C-alpha atoms as a PDB file:
ATOM      1  CA  MET A   1      -7.729  -2.934 -30.458  1.00  0.00           C
ATOM      2  CA  ASP A   2      -8.809  -6.353 -29.150  1.00  0.00           C
ATOM      3  CA  GLY A   3      -5.124  -7.432 -28.343  1.00  0.00           C
ATOM      4  CA  TYR A   4      -4.754  -3.876 -26.466  1.00  0.00           C
ATOM      5  CA  LEU A   5      -7.997  -4.471 -24.736  1.00  0.00           C
ATOM      6  CA  ALA A   6      -7.251  -7.985 -23.636  1.00  0.00           C
ATOM      7  CA  ALA A   7      -3.817  -6.922 -22.376  1.00  0.00           C
ATOM      8  CA  ASN A   8      -5.227  -4.027 -20.256  1.00  0.00           C
ATOM      9  CA  ARG A   9      -7.827  -6.223 -18.765  1.00  0.00           C
ATOM     10  CA  ALA A  10      -5.637  -8.716 -17.612  1.00  0.00           C
ATOM     11  CA  ASN A  11      -3.394  -5.928 -16.350  1.00  0.00           C
ATOM     12  CA  TRP A  12      -6.195  -4.759 -14.442  1.00  0.00           C
ATOM     13  CA  ASP A  13      -7.552  -7.997 -13.334  1.00  0.00           C
ATOM     14  CA  ASP A  14      -3.915  -8.592 -11.795  1.00  0.00           C
ATOM     15  CA  ARG A  15      -3.858  -5.069 -10.180  1.00  0.00           C
ATOM     16  CA  THR A  16      -7.187  -5.665  -8.353  1.00  0.00           C
ATOM     17  CA  GLY A  17      -5.822  -8.346  -6.105  1.00  0.00           C
ATOM     18  CA  VAL A  18      -2.757  -6.029  -5.085  1.00  0.00           C
ATOM     19  CA  HIS A  19      -5.013  -2.962  -4.580  1.00  0.00           C
ATOM     20  CA  LEU A  20      -7.233  -4.884  -2.296  1.00  0.00           C
ATOM     21  CA  GLU A  21      -4.423  -5.730   0.074  1.00  0.00           C
ATOM     22  CA  SER A  22      -2.922  -2.077  -0.177  1.00  0.00           C
ATOM     23  CA  SER A  23      -2.780   0.478   2.475  1.00  0.00           C
ATOM     24  CA  PHE A  24      -3.455   2.887  -0.390  1.00  0.00           C
ATOM     25  CA  TYR A  25      -6.868   1.901  -0.616  1.00  0.00           C
ATOM     26  CA  ASP A  26      -7.290   0.552   3.137  1.00  0.00           C
ATOM     27  CA  VAL A  27     -10.287  -1.348   2.441  1.00  0.00           C
ATOM     28  CA  GLU A  28     -10.689  -2.737   5.911  1.00  0.00           C
ATOM     29  CA  GLY A  29     -10.567   0.911   7.258  1.00  0.00           C
ATOM     30  CA  TRP A  30     -13.147   2.041   4.419  1.00  0.00           C
ATOM     31  CA  LEU A  31     -15.361  -0.709   5.701  1.00  0.00           C
ATOM     32  CA  HIS A  32     -15.387   0.318   9.477  1.00  0.00           C
ATOM     33  CA  GLU A  33     -14.971   3.951   9.076  1.00  0.00           C
ATOM     34  CA  PRO A  34     -17.535   5.301   6.592  1.00  0.00           C
ATOM     35  CA  ARG A  35     -15.690   7.759   4.156  1.00  0.00           C
ATOM     36  CA  ARG A  36     -17.481  10.651   2.111  1.00  0.00           C
ATOM     37  CA  PRO A  37     -16.527  11.381  -1.616  1.00  0.00           C
ATOM     38  CA  ARG A  38     -13.642  13.768  -1.740  1.00  0.00           C
ATOM     39  CA  PRO A  39     -14.732  17.509  -0.891  1.00  0.00           C
ATOM     40  CA  TYR A  40     -14.224  18.805  -4.295  1.00  0.00           C
ATOM     41  CA  GLU A  41     -16.440  16.057  -5.644  1.00  0.00           C
ATOM     42  CA  ILE A  42     -19.081  16.995  -3.195  1.00  0.00           C
ATOM     43  CA  ASP A  43     -18.689  20.534  -4.001  1.00  0.00           C
ATOM     44  CA  ALA A  44     -19.391  19.903  -7.973  1.00  0.00           C
ATOM     45  CA  LEU A  45     -22.333  17.468  -7.416  1.00  0.00           C
ATOM     46  CA  GLY A  46     -23.632  18.529  -4.195  1.00  0.00           C
ATOM     47  CA  ASP A  47     -26.646  16.572  -2.655  1.00  0.00           C
ATOM     48  CA  VAL A  48     -26.896  13.482  -4.539  1.00  0.00           C
ATOM     49  CA  SER A  49     -29.679  11.838  -2.374  1.00  0.00           C
ATOM     50  CA  GLY A  50     -32.145   9.836  -4.439  1.00  0.00           C
ATOM     51  CA  LEU A  51     -30.333  10.311  -7.676  1.00  0.00           C
ATOM     52  CA  ARG A  52     -29.382   7.799  -9.982  1.00  0.00           C
ATOM     53  CA  LEU A  53     -25.561   7.863 -10.400  1.00  0.00           C
ATOM     54  CA  VAL A  54     -23.436   5.610 -12.839  1.00  0.00           C
ATOM     55  CA  HIS A  55     -19.479   5.334 -12.424  1.00  0.00           C
ATOM     56  CA  LEU A  56     -17.941   4.315 -15.374  1.00  0.00           C
ATOM     57  CA  GLN A  57     -14.504   2.340 -15.157  1.00  0.00           C
ATOM     58  CA  CYS A  58     -15.360   2.121 -11.479  1.00  0.00           C
ATOM     59  CA  HIS A  59     -12.424  -0.499 -10.480  1.00  0.00           C
ATOM     60  CA  PHE A  60     -13.547  -2.322  -7.554  1.00  0.00           C
ATOM     61  CA  GLY A  61     -15.920   0.335  -6.397  1.00  0.00           C
ATOM     62  CA  LEU A  62     -14.809   2.260  -3.517  1.00  0.00           C
ATOM     63  CA  ASP A  63     -15.478   5.645  -4.862  1.00  0.00           C
ATOM     64  CA  THR A  64     -18.793   4.218  -6.400  1.00  0.00           C
ATOM     65  CA  LEU A  65     -19.990   3.076  -2.997  1.00  0.00           C
ATOM     66  CA  GLU A  66     -19.063   6.355  -1.263  1.00  0.00           C
ATOM     67  CA  TRP A  67     -21.950   7.910  -3.540  1.00  0.00           C
ATOM     68  CA  ALA A  68     -24.401   5.221  -2.330  1.00  0.00           C
ATOM     69  CA  ARG A  69     -23.507   6.287   1.381  1.00  0.00           C
ATOM     70  CA  GLU A  70     -24.431   9.687   0.371  1.00  0.00           C
ATOM     71  CA  GLY A  71     -27.905   8.552  -0.615  1.00  0.00           C
ATOM     72  CA  ALA A  72     -27.415   7.986  -4.456  1.00  0.00           C
ATOM     73  CA  LEU A  73     -28.928   4.896  -6.269  1.00  0.00           C
ATOM     74  CA  VAL A  74     -25.439   3.722  -7.932  1.00  0.00           C
ATOM     75  CA  THR A  75     -24.318   1.672 -10.912  1.00  0.00           C
ATOM     76  CA  GLY A  76     -20.584   0.663 -11.307  1.00  0.00           C
ATOM     77  CA  LEU A  77     -19.300  -0.344 -14.621  1.00  0.00           C
ATOM     78  CA  ASP A  78     -15.872  -1.650 -15.401  1.00  0.00           C
ATOM     79  CA  PHE A  79     -14.392  -4.312 -17.900  1.00  0.00           C
ATOM     80  CA  SER A  80     -12.445  -6.559 -15.170  1.00  0.00           C
ATOM     81  CA  PRO A  81     -14.508  -9.258 -14.095  1.00  0.00           C
ATOM     82  CA  VAL A  82     -12.046  -9.725 -11.091  1.00  0.00           C
ATOM     83  CA  ALA A  83     -12.828  -5.966 -10.092  1.00  0.00           C
ATOM     84  CA  ILE A  84     -16.475  -6.326 -10.582  1.00  0.00           C
ATOM     85  CA  ALA A  85     -16.684  -9.383  -8.260  1.00  0.00           C
ATOM     86  CA  ALA A  86     -14.640  -7.459  -5.714  1.00  0.00           C
ATOM     87  CA  ALA A  87     -16.905  -4.502  -5.803  1.00  0.00           C
ATOM     88  CA  THR A  88     -20.279  -6.632  -5.591  1.00  0.00           C
ATOM     89  CA  ASP A  89     -18.528  -8.397  -2.478  1.00  0.00           C
ATOM     90  CA  LEU A  90     -17.721  -4.888  -1.050  1.00  0.00           C
ATOM     91  CA  ALA A  91     -21.255  -3.517  -1.447  1.00  0.00           C
ATOM     92  CA  GLY A  92     -22.642  -6.503   0.551  1.00  0.00           C
ATOM     93  CA  ARG A  93     -20.185  -6.258   3.545  1.00  0.00           C
ATOM     94  CA  ALA A  94     -20.686  -2.476   3.554  1.00  0.00           C
ATOM     95  CA  GLY A  95     -24.672  -2.931   3.777  1.00  0.00           C
ATOM     96  CA  LEU A  96     -24.998  -1.186   0.536  1.00  0.00           C
ATOM     97  CA  SER A  97     -26.247  -4.036  -1.844  1.00  0.00           C
ATOM     98  CA  ASP A  98     -29.938  -2.473  -2.063  1.00  0.00           C
ATOM     99  CA  ARG A  99     -28.315   0.919  -3.316  1.00  0.00           C
ATOM    100  CA  ALA A 100     -25.420  -0.359  -5.625  1.00  0.00           C
ATOM    101  CA  THR A 101     -25.185  -2.526  -8.669  1.00  0.00           C
ATOM    102  CA  PHE A 102     -22.066  -3.369 -10.660  1.00  0.00           C
ATOM    103  CA  VAL A 103     -21.993  -4.375 -14.272  1.00  0.00           C
ATOM    104  CA  CYS A 104     -18.899  -6.027 -16.164  1.00  0.00           C
ATOM    105  CA  ALA A 105     -18.556  -4.292 -19.579  1.00  0.00           C
ATOM    106  CA  ASP A 106     -16.151  -2.095 -21.675  1.00  0.00           C
ATOM    107  CA  VAL A 107     -17.225   1.490 -21.366  1.00  0.00           C
ATOM    108  CA  TYR A 108     -17.525   1.591 -24.996  1.00  0.00           C
ATOM    109  CA  ASP A 109     -20.391  -0.653 -24.788  1.00  0.00           C
ATOM    110  CA  ALA A 110     -21.893   1.072 -21.579  1.00  0.00           C
ATOM    111  CA  THR A 111     -25.418   1.911 -23.252  1.00  0.00           C
ATOM    112  CA  ASN A 112     -25.960  -1.578 -24.473  1.00  0.00           C
ATOM    113  CA  ALA A 113     -24.808  -3.104 -21.177  1.00  0.00           C
ATOM    114  CA  LEU A 114     -27.076  -0.673 -19.112  1.00  0.00           C
ATOM    115  CA  ASP A 115     -29.995  -1.416 -21.431  1.00  0.00           C
ATOM    116  CA  GLY A 116     -30.193   2.138 -22.515  1.00  0.00           C
ATOM    117  CA  ALA A 117     -30.615   3.603 -19.061  1.00  0.00           C
ATOM    118  CA  THR A 118     -29.790   7.161 -18.531  1.00  0.00           C
ATOM    119  CA  PHE A 119     -28.774   8.793 -15.129  1.00  0.00           C
ATOM    120  CA  ASP A 120     -28.884  11.997 -13.292  1.00  0.00           C
ATOM    121  CA  VAL A 121     -24.973  11.763 -12.650  1.00  0.00           C
ATOM    122  CA  VAL A 122     -22.443  10.242 -14.696  1.00  0.00           C
ATOM    123  CA  PHE A 123     -19.337  10.318 -12.736  1.00  0.00           C
ATOM    124  CA  VAL A 124     -15.525   9.274 -13.739  1.00  0.00           C
ATOM    125  CA  SER A 125     -12.598   9.415 -11.347  1.00  0.00           C
ATOM    126  CA  LEU A 126      -8.838   9.544 -11.589  1.00  0.00           C
ATOM    127  CA  GLY A 127      -7.078   7.353 -13.794  1.00  0.00           C
ATOM    128  CA  ALA A 128      -9.651   6.790 -16.498  1.00  0.00           C
ATOM    129  CA  LEU A 129      -9.008   8.335 -19.682  1.00  0.00           C
ATOM    130  CA  CYS A 130      -5.622   7.088 -20.454  1.00  0.00           C
ATOM    131  CA  TRP A 131      -6.695   3.597 -21.044  1.00  0.00           C
ATOM    132  CA  LEU A 132      -8.994   4.571 -23.892  1.00  0.00           C
ATOM    133  CA  PRO A 133      -7.851   4.905 -27.668  1.00  0.00           C
ATOM    134  CA  SER A 134     -10.889   7.120 -28.583  1.00  0.00           C
ATOM    135  CA  VAL A 135     -12.014  10.010 -26.668  1.00  0.00           C
ATOM    136  CA  ASP A 136     -14.779  10.599 -28.949  1.00  0.00           C
ATOM    137  CA  GLY A 137     -16.146   7.193 -28.604  1.00  0.00           C
ATOM    138  CA  TRP A 138     -16.052   7.490 -24.816  1.00  0.00           C
ATOM    139  CA  ALA A 139     -17.918  10.816 -25.113  1.00  0.00           C
ATOM    140  CA  GLU A 140     -20.574   9.368 -27.352  1.00  0.00           C
ATOM    141  CA  GLN A 141     -21.556   7.104 -24.552  1.00  0.00           C
ATOM    142  CA  ILE A 142     -21.535   9.758 -21.795  1.00  0.00           C
ATOM    143  CA  GLY A 143     -23.724  11.742 -24.263  1.00  0.00           C
ATOM    144  CA  ALA A 144     -26.174   8.628 -24.346  1.00  0.00           C
ATOM    145  CA  LEU A 145     -26.045   8.075 -20.515  1.00  0.00           C
ATOM    146  CA  VAL A 146     -26.616  11.479 -19.095  1.00  0.00           C
ATOM    147  CA  ALA A 147     -30.498  12.046 -18.759  1.00  0.00           C
ATOM    148  CA  PRO A 148     -32.075  15.539 -19.898  1.00  0.00           C
ATOM    149  CA  GLY A 149     -31.305  17.969 -17.056  1.00  0.00           C
ATOM    150  CA  GLY A 150     -28.507  15.489 -15.537  1.00  0.00           C
ATOM    151  CA  ARG A 151     -24.700  16.234 -15.191  1.00  0.00           C
ATOM    152  CA  PHE A 152     -21.513  14.629 -15.994  1.00  0.00           C
ATOM    153  CA  PHE A 153     -18.205  15.121 -13.723  1.00  0.00           C
ATOM    154  CA  ILE A 154     -14.898  14.127 -14.197  1.00  0.00           C
ATOM    155  CA  HIS A 155     -11.621  14.506 -12.354  1.00  0.00           C
ATOM    156  CA  ASP A 156      -8.546  13.148 -14.167  1.00  0.00           C
ATOM    157  CA  VAL A 157      -4.911  13.344 -14.938  1.00  0.00           C
ATOM    158  CA  HIS A 158      -4.038  16.450 -16.909  1.00  0.00           C
ATOM    159  CA  PRO A 159      -2.744  15.556 -20.563  1.00  0.00           C
ATOM    160  CA  LEU A 160       0.151  17.816 -19.758  1.00  0.00           C
ATOM    161  CA  ALA A 161       1.213  15.862 -16.597  1.00  0.00           C
ATOM    162  CA  TRP A 162       0.531  12.604 -18.517  1.00  0.00           C
ATOM    163  CA  ALA A 163       2.902  13.668 -21.214  1.00  0.00           C
ATOM    164  CA  LEU A 164       5.690  14.824 -19.027  1.00  0.00           C
ATOM    165  CA  ALA A 165       8.958  12.541 -18.053  1.00  0.00           C
ATOM    166  CA  ASP A 166       8.854  11.060 -14.925  1.00  0.00           C
ATOM    167  CA  ASP A 167      11.771  12.770 -13.567  1.00  0.00           C
ATOM    168  CA  SER A 168      11.642  16.287 -14.988  1.00  0.00           C
ATOM    169  CA  LEU A 169       9.330  18.971 -16.734  1.00  0.00           C
ATOM    170  CA  ALA A 170      10.484  17.564 -20.233  1.00  0.00           C
ATOM    171  CA  LEU A 171       7.761  16.236 -22.554  1.00  0.00           C
ATOM    172  CA  ALA A 172       8.498  12.566 -22.790  1.00  0.00           C
ATOM    173  CA  TRP A 173       5.298  11.630 -24.864  1.00  0.00           C
ATOM    174  CA  THR A 174       2.793  13.054 -26.958  1.00  0.00           C
ATOM    175  CA  TYR A 175       0.160  15.667 -25.626  1.00  0.00           C
ATOM    176  CA  PHE A 176      -2.455  14.690 -28.102  1.00  0.00           C
ATOM    177  CA  GLU A 177      -4.340  11.738 -29.143  1.00  0.00           C
ATOM    178  CA  GLU A 178      -2.408   9.211 -31.185  1.00  0.00           C
ATOM    179  CA  ASP A 179      -3.304   5.988 -33.008  1.00  0.00           C
ATOM    180  CA  GLU A 180      -0.513   4.285 -31.542  1.00  0.00           C
ATOM    181  CA  PRO A 181      -0.503   3.751 -27.740  1.00  0.00           C
ATOM    182  CA  PHE A 182       2.162   4.177 -25.241  1.00  0.00           C
ATOM    183  CA  THR A 183       3.421   0.661 -24.124  1.00  0.00           C
ATOM    184  CA  SER A 184       4.517  -0.143 -20.787  1.00  0.00           C
ATOM    185  CA  ASP A 185       5.951  -3.258 -19.029  1.00  0.00           C
ATOM    186  CA  SER A 186       5.923  -2.803 -15.518  1.00  0.00           C
ATOM    187  CA  ASP A 187       5.392  -5.198 -12.605  1.00  0.00           C
ATOM    188  CA  GLU A 188       4.523  -1.996 -10.387  1.00  0.00           C
ATOM    189  CA  THR A 189       1.403  -0.469  -9.595  1.00  0.00           C
ATOM    190  CA  TYR A 190       0.338   3.000  -8.193  1.00  0.00           C
ATOM    191  CA  THR A 191      -0.183   1.573  -4.854  1.00  0.00           C
ATOM    192  CA  ASP A 192       2.092   0.032  -2.295  1.00  0.00           C
ATOM    193  CA  ALA A 193       2.061  -3.839  -3.103  1.00  0.00           C
ATOM    194  CA  THR A 194       2.508  -7.010  -1.569  1.00  0.00           C
ATOM    195  CA  ARG A 195       3.726  -8.692  -4.606  1.00  0.00           C
ATOM    196  CA  PRO A 196       4.738  -7.877  -8.127  1.00  0.00           C
ATOM    197  CA  LEU A 197       2.438  -7.747 -11.078  1.00  0.00           C
ATOM    198  CA  ILE A 198       2.231 -10.688 -13.411  1.00  0.00           C
ATOM    199  CA  ALA A 199       0.261  -9.374 -16.239  1.00  0.00           C
ATOM    200  CA  THR A 200       2.759  -6.652 -16.806  1.00  0.00           C
ATOM    201  CA  ARG A 201       1.879  -5.415 -20.368  1.00  0.00           C
ATOM    202  CA  SER A 202      -0.537  -2.408 -20.798  1.00  0.00           C
ATOM    203  CA  PHE A 203      -1.336   0.274 -23.408  1.00  0.00           C
ATOM    204  CA  GLU A 204      -2.336   3.771 -22.927  1.00  0.00           C
ATOM    205  CA  TRP A 205      -3.385   6.784 -24.686  1.00  0.00           C
ATOM    206  CA  ASN A 206      -3.264  10.655 -24.070  1.00  0.00           C
ATOM    207  CA  HIS A 207      -5.835  12.972 -24.986  1.00  0.00           C
ATOM    208  CA  GLY A 208      -5.751  16.777 -24.989  1.00  0.00           C
ATOM    209  CA  ILE A 209      -8.097  19.024 -23.134  1.00  0.00           C
ATOM    210  CA  GLY A 210      -9.388  20.573 -26.519  1.00  0.00           C
ATOM    211  CA  GLU A 211      -9.882  17.103 -27.481  1.00  0.00           C
ATOM    212  CA  ILE A 212     -11.900  16.033 -24.549  1.00  0.00           C
ATOM    213  CA  VAL A 213     -13.886  19.205 -24.362  1.00  0.00           C
ATOM    214  CA  THR A 214     -14.945  19.123 -28.054  1.00  0.00           C
ATOM    215  CA  ALA A 215     -15.756  15.592 -27.980  1.00  0.00           C
ATOM    216  CA  LEU A 216     -18.309  16.079 -24.922  1.00  0.00           C
ATOM    217  CA  LEU A 217     -19.816  19.200 -26.851  1.00  0.00           C
ATOM    218  CA  ARG A 218     -20.199  17.231 -29.998  1.00  0.00           C
ATOM    219  CA  HIS A 219     -22.332  14.750 -28.181  1.00  0.00           C
ATOM    220  CA  GLY A 220     -24.895  17.067 -26.710  1.00  0.00           C
ATOM    221  CA  LEU A 221     -23.244  18.074 -23.539  1.00  0.00           C
ATOM    222  CA  ARG A 222     -23.148  21.734 -22.231  1.00  0.00           C
ATOM    223  CA  LEU A 223     -19.598  22.763 -20.252  1.00  0.00           C
ATOM    224  CA  GLU A 224     -20.311  24.098 -17.072  1.00  0.00           C
ATOM    225  CA  SER A 225     -16.821  24.708 -15.722  1.00  0.00           C
ATOM    226  CA  LEU A 226     -13.337  23.414 -16.311  1.00  0.00           C
ATOM    227  CA  VAL A 227     -10.757  23.587 -13.576  1.00  0.00           C
ATOM    228  CA  GLU A 228      -6.926  22.644 -13.959  1.00  0.00           C
ATOM    229  CA  HIS A 229      -5.333  21.901 -10.781  1.00  0.00           C
ATOM    230  CA  ASP A 230      -1.799  22.148  -9.512  1.00  0.00           C
ATOM    231  CA  TRP A 231      -2.254  18.998  -7.099  1.00  0.00           C
ATOM    232  CA  THR A 232      -2.995  15.559  -7.281  1.00  0.00           C
ATOM    233  CA  VAL A 233      -3.885  12.729  -4.850  1.00  0.00           C
ATOM    234  CA  TRP A 234      -0.983  10.483  -5.537  1.00  0.00           C
ATOM    235  CA  PRO A 235       2.790  11.045  -5.847  1.00  0.00           C
ATOM    236  CA  ARG A 236       2.703  10.985  -9.626  1.00  0.00           C
ATOM    237  CA  PHE A 237       6.289  12.473 -10.039  1.00  0.00           C
ATOM    238  CA  PRO A 238       9.061  11.731  -7.586  1.00  0.00           C
ATOM    239  CA  TRP A 239       9.439  15.242  -6.982  1.00  0.00           C
ATOM    240  CA  LEU A 240       6.058  16.172  -5.701  1.00  0.00           C
ATOM    241  CA  VAL A 241       5.713  16.832  -2.020  1.00  0.00           C
ATOM    242  CA  PRO A 242       2.673  16.254   0.180  1.00  0.00           C
ATOM    243  CA  SER A 243       0.565  19.237   1.372  1.00  0.00           C
ATOM    244  CA  ASP A 244      -1.503  19.835   4.213  1.00  0.00           C
ATOM    245  CA  ASP A 245      -4.776  18.850   2.527  1.00  0.00           C
ATOM    246  CA  HIS A 246      -3.647  15.266   1.760  1.00  0.00           C
ATOM    247  CA  THR A 247      -2.635  16.191  -2.016  1.00  0.00           C
ATOM    248  CA  TRP A 248       0.714  16.247  -3.654  1.00  0.00           C
ATOM    249  CA  VAL A 249       2.109  19.419  -5.245  1.00  0.00           C
ATOM    250  CA  ALA A 250       5.323  20.963  -6.586  1.00  0.00           C
ATOM    251  CA  PRO A 251       7.905  21.872  -3.955  1.00  0.00           C
ATOM    252  CA  PRO A 252       8.612  25.547  -3.233  1.00  0.00           C
ATOM    253  CA  GLY A 253      10.514  27.279  -5.912  1.00  0.00           C
ATOM    254  CA  MET A 254       9.514  25.009  -8.773  1.00  0.00           C
ATOM    255  CA  PRO A 255       7.149  26.035 -11.539  1.00  0.00           C
ATOM    256  CA  ARG A 256       3.482  25.083 -10.953  1.00  0.00           C
ATOM    257  CA  THR A 257       2.213  22.931 -13.828  1.00  0.00           C
ATOM    258  CA  PRO A 258      -1.398  21.454 -14.217  1.00  0.00           C
ATOM    259  CA  LEU A 259      -1.441  18.025 -12.625  1.00  0.00           C
ATOM    260  CA  THR A 260      -5.068  17.066 -12.889  1.00  0.00           C
ATOM    261  CA  PHE A 261      -8.120  18.645 -14.054  1.00  0.00           C
ATOM    262  CA  SER A 262     -11.931  18.598 -13.274  1.00  0.00           C
ATOM    263  CA  LEU A 263     -14.936  19.152 -15.592  1.00  0.00           C
ATOM    264  CA  LEU A 264     -18.503  19.546 -14.814  1.00  0.00           C
ATOM    265  CA  ALA A 265     -20.971  19.286 -17.807  1.00  0.00           C
ATOM    266  CA  SER A 266     -24.858  19.034 -18.338  1.00  0.00           C
ATOM    267  CA  ARG A 267     -27.478  17.961 -20.784  1.00  0.00           C
ATOM    268  CA  PRO A 268     -29.972  20.379 -21.212  1.00  0.00           C
ATOM    269  CA  ARG A 269     -33.363  19.624 -20.385  1.00  0.00           C
ATOM    270  CA  TRP A 270     -34.741  20.644 -23.701  1.00  0.00           C
ATOM    271  CA  PRO A 271     -33.218  20.424 -27.027  1.00  0.00           C
ATOM    272  CA  ALA A 272     -31.878  23.801 -28.394  1.00  0.00           C
ATOM    273  CA  ARG A 273     -33.896  25.069 -31.218  1.00  0.00           C
END
């Protein structure tokens, strides 16, 4: 796995520079016009004032810092040192350094990197799971990070959408977790770009909904809700069309298919007898 990890880290180090300059993220606009977390995230987590929140695989921290603007004490963790340096810089520019800490570490080493700390909220945002070879190892870290009475929330690409071909509703890749990753060699990223990527090789894995839920239950969490969405926040497929609420959906007349999912879980305050 070390070779896969090194290639993915180099790929995300490279992506960070491209993403910081993209209109997709609009960093300067974000700095000058305070933006809140997405409505469905606020609906799921409610008031986070004073809560300890950790954002795993946080990239360069925009989503993390939006929770700091909501009053949470946030920690962002990512394996890319370039992204973590950018996140720390953005926290300072946004006047949020007193509410935000960023840590460079692999998500599978999160509990060690965070010195065994636990959090009221563990948060994972879109585009995280596909970079992980083992959903069970990831869930083990989640289970250790959620404090008793705390919550875990994820919104991510639906594994069925991940398995579809780019230009049709045909399956092009496995729906389930496999040992061998999907290998990509592309100089493009999901944002607009001012230059092609240099570190083009990356490796990804899919994980079925049942595998994700079972792994979280195995590591001590209790499922509160699981919602499959027929929308996503970026044009994952060329046949998607924009909707009025700034999401992307299938065009009229095309079968609806799950594009993303959101899951809310909690850790009981007291162990079950």
